[in-house]
Amino acid sequence: MNPLSFVTVFTVGELITMTTLALIFRGGVAPLLEEIAKARPALFWLFLGGFCWVLGDLFQQYAAKYIGIGRGIPLSNTNQLWGLAWGALVFGELSGRGSSTQALILVGSLIMILGAFAISTSVAPAAEQDSRRQAMTRERDRYGLNLNDLEAAQAGEDPLAKRVAARRWWDGLIVAGAVGVFIWLAIGTERPPIAMDMRWVVALIVPTLGILVAAGVLLWKRTRFS
């Protein structure tokens, strides 16, 4: 399944579920709108956090599709290290903690990094690759699939990328509407009363955006986001 389609269905489903729960627990539309109006100055940051989450989930789905669940999911879960960096460096969540606590956090982080390195550099043995070929041949015969397409998909390529349908005119309207919502939310928003080290904010945002752009360009060249 196209990761864009999966994340769209997943995200819309979550919005519908949370809206339903909010209506039930707040006692209807009017009380819910009142609560939203009170939270208006902070809504932009909540939407921005959700937007970042959707981007991360989207790249996780691409990882699972092109390098497999066994590698993609564990590697994507190393985002906890990034969250730890934000918590410790930007928000100072480790300040006042004892040296033993900080040492445990550093050791745990190092173990995660070594685990991610081991997963990313691992290679399946010959016996496992033979089993994969047998399973692929079986599924090809069962469903009448193209063997070359299967081999390309297993190699991390996307044989369907060149056959993706053209974008529809309403795709632009959806993007414009989403951008409009963010602009509307940004008007009148307020900075949350949370102490932050702005130097580390910049130091972490710059590589984040760099990785996002580089990964996006690579995905577009290899898969056309299919």
Foldseek 3Di string as FASTA:
>chain_A
DQLVVVLVVVVVVVVVVVVVVLCVVLVHDVSSVVVCVVCLQPVLVVVVVVVVVSLLSSVLVLQCQQVNPQQSVLLSVLCVVVVVCCCCAWQVVCPPPDPVVVVVVVVVNVVSVVVNVCSVPDDDDPVVVVVVVVVLVVVCVVPVDDPVQVVQSNNRFHPCLVVDDDDDPCVVVVVVVVVVVSVVSVVNHDDDPGGTDVVVVVVSVVVVVVVSVVVVVVCCVRRVSD
